[in-house]
Protein backbone atom coordinates (compact mmCIF):
# COMPACT_ATOMS: atom_id res chain seq x y z
CA MET A 1 36.63 42.22 46.36
CA LYS A 2 35.51 45.46 48.26
CA THR A 3 36.40 48.00 44.90
CA VAL A 4 36.94 51.41 47.22
CA LYS A 5 36.14 54.31 45.35
CA TYR A 6 37.22 57.25 46.53
CA ASN A 7 35.47 60.98 46.06
CA SER A 8 36.49 61.89 42.51
CA GLU A 9 35.38 65.95 42.59
CA SER A 10 37.65 66.10 45.53
CA ASN A 11 40.21 64.06 43.84
CA ALA A 12 40.33 66.52 41.07
CA GLN A 13 39.87 69.06 43.37
CA PHE A 14 42.95 68.88 44.85
CA LEU A 15 44.71 67.81 41.53
CA ASP A 16 43.48 71.40 40.39
CA TRP A 17 44.44 72.65 43.20
CA ALA A 18 48.48 71.70 42.46
CA ILE A 19 48.01 72.39 38.93
CA HIS A 20 47.81 75.85 40.30
CA GLU A 21 50.18 75.99 42.75
CA LEU A 22 53.18 74.89 40.47
CA TRP A 23 51.44 77.37 36.93
CA LEU A 24 50.36 74.56 35.10
CA LYS A 25 48.01 74.39 32.77
CA ASN A 26 46.42 69.98 32.69
CA ASP A 27 46.87 66.81 34.75
CA LEU A 28 49.91 65.60 32.21
CA GLN A 29 52.19 68.21 33.43
CA LEU A 30 52.27 67.92 36.96
CA ALA A 31 52.23 64.16 36.05
CA ARG A 32 55.05 65.06 34.37
CA LYS A 33 56.35 67.13 37.51
CA LEU A 34 55.52 64.56 39.42
CA LYS A 35 57.23 61.74 37.92
CA MET A 36 54.22 60.03 37.93
CA THR A 37 52.26 58.37 34.78
CA SER A 38 49.50 60.06 32.70
CA ALA A 39 47.29 56.79 33.16
CA HIS A 40 47.54 57.68 37.21
CA MET A 41 46.05 61.48 37.20
CA SER A 42 44.03 60.25 35.58
CA TRP A 43 42.48 57.39 38.46
CA ILE A 44 43.37 59.95 41.18
CA ARG A 45 41.33 62.40 39.06
CA SER A 46 38.22 59.53 38.26
CA GLY A 47 38.41 58.15 42.17
CA LYS A 48 39.41 54.73 41.27
CA SER A 49 43.27 55.56 42.93
CA PRO A 50 43.63 57.77 45.50
CA VAL A 51 46.28 60.01 46.85
CA GLY A 52 49.24 58.56 48.36
CA ALA A 53 51.94 59.33 50.13
CA ILE A 54 54.66 59.32 47.17
CA MET A 55 52.54 62.15 45.62
CA ILE A 56 52.43 64.20 49.19
CA ALA A 57 56.01 63.50 49.68
CA ARG A 58 57.19 65.52 45.50
CA LEU A 59 54.22 68.26 45.75
CA HIS A 60 56.18 68.60 48.63
CA SER A 61 59.50 68.87 46.67
CA LEU A 62 57.80 71.10 44.33
CA LEU A 63 55.72 73.59 46.65
CA PRO A 64 59.39 73.40 49.80
CA ASN A 65 56.43 76.50 51.16
CA VAL A 66 53.11 73.92 51.67
CA SER A 67 53.90 71.97 55.07
CA ILE A 68 53.16 68.53 54.14
CA LYS A 69 50.78 68.75 57.09
CA GLU A 70 48.29 71.21 54.85
CA LEU A 71 49.05 69.15 51.77
CA VAL A 72 47.76 65.95 54.17
CA GLU A 73 44.99 67.73 55.58
CA ARG A 74 43.59 68.89 52.23
CA SER A 75 44.70 65.25 50.39
CA LYS A 76 42.44 63.77 53.24
CA TYR A 77 39.17 65.54 51.97
CA ALA A 78 40.15 63.84 48.36
CA GLN A 79 39.87 60.81 51.01
CA HIS A 80 36.49 60.46 51.35
CA THR A 81 33.53 59.49 49.78
């Protein structure tokens, strides 16, 4: 079984952007806002897990002025190495 590694630098940039947009201080606060575990946030930041559709949908509900299309585009750069 091949292990997929997502671009951790781009994932980190995407998470940092979301934290900034929501006026939060860290991944733990973002995880709580998105109703995700801090472990999952860590997996995304380290490139072990992708930015998924549920995260995009939850971010859109918190940032209604940012379109889903824009969130997907921002997250696409976080998906590929």
